[in-house]
Amino acid sequence: MINTVKNFPNKSGVYKITSPTGKIYVGEAVDLQTRCKFYLTPNRIKKQRGIYNSLIKHSVVSHTIEVLEFCDVNQLLIRERYWQEFYDSVNNGLNCFLSQTNEKKKVWSEETKKIMSENSKGINNPFYKKNHSEESLKKISESSKGINNPNYGGKFKSEEWLKKQSISNSKKPLKVIDTLTNETYEFINSKEVSVFLNCSSSSVRESKKHGYQIKKRFIVKNND
């Protein structure tokens, strides 16, 4: 696996990792060599629970890796989802979820859903044995009244208002930073960014506003 990864091209595509027990992990990368080098040091992919546990248990050298196909960046999630379903890599493999695309929603494995549920119970819940005070409840109530209410002045926004707002937001030039390769891409609006990253417009807005990473690597900023 080590020598294979070092010979991977710096191209975008979908890859497959196979464990010595025959279980499969499917992933995608804008830069295959840069991304797949992460698996050579498992501590860098701890959040990918399935493949991380397999690499730790069986060792990196006992796994094999190969490129399933090269494709354009805006097709990565679609092709990744195709191969995840083809190999059934969530139910019978090492993927924790089926990747979300514009046409298909994200689907977590049953084991992952169970772990997430357990992690939110009891003392693991940040609100465990806590209750809002009367003062806190009053502040929450006041904060949603009058002009503080996002729908102040009308229960619903008109279609004309929403259309104008959408056009206004989409005209702002943006740049996308790849935190893995430090490459920067420039776009004339958020719609182009969402197509390039194959993600929702809300993900673009959240990344720009709060600095969240899209697909755990891309950050969107205003291109000032």
Protein backbone atom coordinates (compact mmCIF):
# COMPACT_ATOMS: atom_id res chain seq x y z
CA MET A 1 0.00 0.00 0.00
CA ILE A 2 2.81 2.42 0.86
CA ASN A 3 4.58 2.19 -2.50
CA THR A 4 1.27 2.25 -4.38
CA VAL A 5 0.20 5.51 -2.76
CA LYS A 6 3.57 7.15 -3.47
CA ASN A 7 3.04 6.39 -7.16
CA PHE A 8 -0.49 7.79 -7.28
CA PRO A 9 -0.90 10.80 -9.63
CA ASN A 10 -1.92 14.23 -8.38
CA LYS A 11 -5.29 13.90 -10.05
CA SER A 12 -8.86 13.86 -8.81
CA GLY A 13 -10.66 10.55 -8.57
CA VAL A 14 -12.15 7.74 -6.50
CA TYR A 15 -10.06 5.13 -4.66
CA LYS A 16 -10.66 1.83 -2.88
CA ILE A 17 -8.87 0.39 0.16
CA THR A 18 -9.26 -3.34 0.86
CA SER A 19 -8.46 -4.87 4.26
CA PRO A 20 -6.92 -8.34 4.67
CA THR A 21 -10.39 -9.57 5.69
CA GLY A 22 -11.85 -8.38 2.39
CA LYS A 23 -13.71 -5.34 3.73
CA ILE A 24 -13.70 -2.28 1.49
CA TYR A 25 -13.46 1.46 2.04
CA VAL A 26 -14.30 3.84 -0.82
CA GLY A 27 -13.17 7.48 -0.84
CA GLU A 28 -12.71 10.42 -3.17
CA ALA A 29 -9.96 13.00 -3.49
CA VAL A 30 -9.19 16.17 -5.39
CA ASP A 31 -5.54 15.10 -5.22
CA LEU A 32 -5.27 11.32 -4.92
CA GLN A 33 -1.65 11.15 -3.82
CA THR A 34 -1.93 13.91 -1.22
CA ARG A 35 -5.14 12.55 0.25
CA CYS A 36 -4.19 8.87 0.30
CA LYS A 37 -0.90 9.56 2.09
CA PHE A 38 -3.07 10.25 5.15
CA TYR A 39 -3.82 6.53 5.42
CA LEU A 40 -0.15 5.74 5.80
CA THR A 41 -0.33 7.49 9.18
CA PRO A 42 -3.65 6.27 10.68
CA ASN A 43 -3.70 8.84 13.48
CA ARG A 44 -4.48 11.44 10.81
CA ILE A 45 -7.80 9.77 9.96
CA LYS A 46 -9.16 8.90 13.42
CA LYS A 47 -12.56 10.37 12.56
CA GLN A 48 -12.96 7.78 9.80
CA ARG A 49 -13.70 5.12 12.39
CA GLY A 50 -14.08 2.05 10.16
CA ILE A 51 -10.91 2.34 8.08
CA TYR A 52 -8.94 3.72 11.05
CA ASN A 53 -9.74 0.69 13.21
CA SER A 54 -8.86 -1.67 10.37
CA LEU A 55 -5.48 -0.01 9.72
CA ILE A 56 -4.64 -0.11 13.42
CA LYS A 57 -5.73 -3.72 13.89
CA HIS A 58 -4.20 -5.23 10.74
CA SER A 59 -1.41 -2.68 9.97
CA VAL A 60 -1.11 -0.39 6.96
CA VAL A 61 1.06 -2.76 4.91
CA SER A 62 -1.55 -5.52 5.05
CA HIS A 63 -4.09 -3.33 3.18
CA THR A 64 -4.21 -2.74 -0.56
CA ILE A 65 -5.25 0.45 -2.33
CA GLU A 66 -6.18 1.21 -5.92
CA VAL A 67 -7.71 3.96 -8.04
CA LEU A 68 -11.20 3.04 -9.19
CA GLU A 69 -11.49 5.92 -11.64
CA PHE A 70 -10.32 9.44 -12.44
CA CYS A 71 -13.03 12.08 -12.76
CA ASP A 72 -13.67 15.82 -12.65
CA VAL A 73 -13.85 17.44 -9.22
CA ASN A 74 -17.54 18.28 -9.60
CA GLN A 75 -18.31 14.59 -10.16
CA LEU A 76 -16.35 13.20 -7.19
CA LEU A 77 -19.21 12.73 -4.72
CA ILE A 78 -21.50 11.27 -7.37
CA ARG A 79 -18.91 8.69 -8.42
CA GLU A 80 -17.88 8.01 -4.82
CA ARG A 81 -21.52 7.29 -3.93
CA TYR A 82 -21.81 5.00 -6.97
CA TRP A 83 -18.84 2.88 -5.89
CA GLN A 84 -19.90 2.86 -2.22
CA GLU A 85 -23.22 1.37 -3.27
CA PHE A 86 -21.54 -0.97 -5.78
CA TYR A 87 -19.33 -2.51 -3.08
CA ASP A 88 -21.90 -2.07 -0.30
CA SER A 89 -19.06 -0.50 1.67
CA VAL A 90 -21.32 0.86 4.43
CA ASN A 91 -23.28 -2.23 5.47
CA ASN A 92 -20.52 -4.72 4.68
CA GLY A 93 -17.43 -2.54 4.53
CA LEU A 94 -15.46 0.19 6.26
CA ASN A 95 -17.36 3.36 5.29
CA CYS A 96 -19.40 4.94 8.09
CA PHE A 97 -21.89 6.50 5.68
CA LEU A 98 -22.96 6.83 2.06
CA SER A 99 -21.84 10.25 0.80
CA GLN A 100 -24.46 12.90 0.15
CA THR A 101 -25.02 14.15 -3.40
CA ASN A 102 -27.50 16.59 -4.90
CA GLU A 103 -29.79 13.67 -5.71
CA LYS A 104 -29.21 11.39 -2.72
CA LYS A 105 -29.14 12.06 1.00
CA LYS A 106 -26.41 10.98 3.38
CA VAL A 107 -27.03 7.54 4.90
CA TRP A 108 -25.28 6.48 8.11
CA SER A 109 -24.48 2.85 8.88
CA GLU A 110 -26.53 1.21 11.66
CA GLU A 111 -23.41 0.80 13.79
CA THR A 112 -22.50 4.47 13.39
CA LYS A 113 -26.03 5.59 14.26
CA LYS A 114 -25.90 3.45 17.40
CA ILE A 115 -22.56 4.98 18.45
CA MET A 116 -23.85 8.51 17.80
CA SER A 117 -26.93 7.76 19.87
CA GLU A 118 -24.90 6.38 22.78
CA ASN A 119 -22.56 9.38 22.67
CA SER A 120 -25.50 11.74 23.19
CA LYS A 121 -26.90 9.99 26.24
CA GLY A 122 -26.32 10.52 29.95
CA ILE A 123 -23.13 12.25 30.97
CA ASN A 124 -22.04 12.45 27.32
CA ASN A 125 -24.87 14.87 26.64
CA PRO A 126 -23.66 18.48 27.18
CA PHE A 127 -27.05 19.30 28.71
CA TYR A 128 -26.96 16.36 31.14
CA LYS A 129 -28.67 17.22 34.46
CA LYS A 130 -29.00 20.84 33.39
CA ASN A 131 -32.10 22.99 33.08
CA HIS A 132 -32.67 26.49 31.83
CA SER A 133 -33.15 28.96 34.67
CA GLU A 134 -36.21 31.22 34.68
CA GLU A 135 -33.96 34.09 33.72
CA SER A 136 -32.46 32.12 30.84
CA LEU A 137 -35.90 31.12 29.54
CA LYS A 138 -37.02 34.74 29.70
CA LYS A 139 -34.00 35.87 27.69
CA ILE A 140 -34.64 33.21 25.06
CA SER A 141 -38.25 34.32 24.77
CA GLU A 142 -37.38 38.02 24.51
CA SER A 143 -34.71 37.36 21.91
CA SER A 144 -37.31 35.96 19.50
CA LYS A 145 -39.84 38.79 19.83
CA GLY A 146 -40.43 41.86 17.70
CA ILE A 147 -37.60 42.99 15.45
CA ASN A 148 -35.44 40.16 16.80
CA ASN A 149 -37.73 37.65 15.11
CA PRO A 150 -36.42 36.77 11.62
CA ASN A 151 -40.00 36.93 10.31
CA TYR A 152 -40.74 40.31 11.90
CA GLY A 153 -43.04 42.34 9.67
CA GLY A 154 -44.61 39.35 7.99
CA LYS A 155 -45.04 35.65 8.59
CA PHE A 156 -43.59 34.69 5.23
CA LYS A 157 -41.19 36.31 2.80
CA SER A 158 -42.66 36.97 -0.64
CA GLU A 159 -41.37 35.03 -3.64
CA GLU A 160 -40.19 38.31 -5.17
CA TRP A 161 -38.17 39.17 -2.04
CA LEU A 162 -36.59 35.71 -1.93
CA LYS A 163 -35.66 35.91 -5.61
CA LYS A 164 -34.01 39.32 -5.18
CA GLN A 165 -32.16 38.08 -2.09
CA SER A 166 -30.91 35.03 -3.97
CA ILE A 167 -29.67 37.11 -6.91
CA SER A 168 -27.97 39.57 -4.55
CA ASN A 169 -26.13 36.82 -2.68
CA SER A 170 -25.12 34.90 -5.80
CA LYS A 171 -23.34 37.89 -7.38
CA LYS A 172 -20.63 38.08 -4.74
CA PRO A 173 -17.23 36.76 -5.93
CA LEU A 174 -15.81 34.00 -3.75
CA LYS A 175 -12.65 31.96 -3.41
CA VAL A 176 -12.23 28.36 -2.28
CA ILE A 177 -9.15 27.28 -0.34
CA ASP A 178 -8.09 23.63 -0.36
CA THR A 179 -6.60 23.13 3.11
CA LEU A 180 -4.78 19.97 2.02
CA THR A 181 -2.96 21.35 -1.01
CA ASN A 182 -3.16 25.11 -0.20
CA GLU A 183 -4.54 25.71 -3.69
CA THR A 184 -6.98 28.58 -4.19
CA TYR A 185 -9.84 28.66 -6.71
CA GLU A 186 -11.81 31.80 -7.65
CA PHE A 187 -15.50 31.91 -8.60
CA ILE A 188 -17.90 34.67 -9.61
CA ASN A 189 -20.69 33.52 -7.27
CA SER A 190 -21.80 30.95 -4.71
CA LYS A 191 -23.64 28.91 -7.31
CA GLU A 192 -20.38 28.17 -9.12
CA VAL A 193 -18.80 27.13 -5.80
CA SER A 194 -21.63 24.72 -4.98
CA VAL A 195 -21.32 23.13 -8.44
CA PHE A 196 -17.51 22.89 -8.16
CA LEU A 197 -17.65 21.23 -4.72
CA ASN A 198 -20.88 19.36 -5.46
CA CYS A 199 -22.46 20.60 -2.25
CA SER A 200 -25.53 22.58 -1.20
CA SER A 201 -25.65 26.37 -1.25
CA SER A 202 -26.26 26.32 2.51
CA SER A 203 -22.91 24.56 3.01
CA VAL A 204 -21.23 27.34 1.02
CA ARG A 205 -22.89 30.00 3.18
CA GLU A 206 -21.95 28.26 6.43
CA SER A 207 -18.35 27.88 5.33
CA LYS A 208 -18.11 31.53 4.34
CA LYS A 209 -19.81 32.78 7.51
CA HIS A 210 -18.28 30.49 10.14
CA GLY A 211 -15.20 29.04 8.46
CA TYR A 212 -16.56 25.49 8.43
CA GLN A 213 -14.73 23.09 6.13
CA ILE A 214 -16.74 21.57 3.32
CA LYS A 215 -15.94 17.88 2.86
CA LYS A 216 -13.44 18.32 5.71
CA ARG A 217 -10.99 20.28 3.55
CA PHE A 218 -12.46 23.25 1.61
CA ILE A 219 -13.02 26.72 3.06
CA VAL A 220 -15.04 29.43 1.29
CA LYS A 221 -14.19 33.10 1.67
CA ASN A 222 -15.13 36.40 0.05
CA ASN A 223 -12.80 37.21 -2.79
CA ASP A 224 -12.06 40.80 -1.72
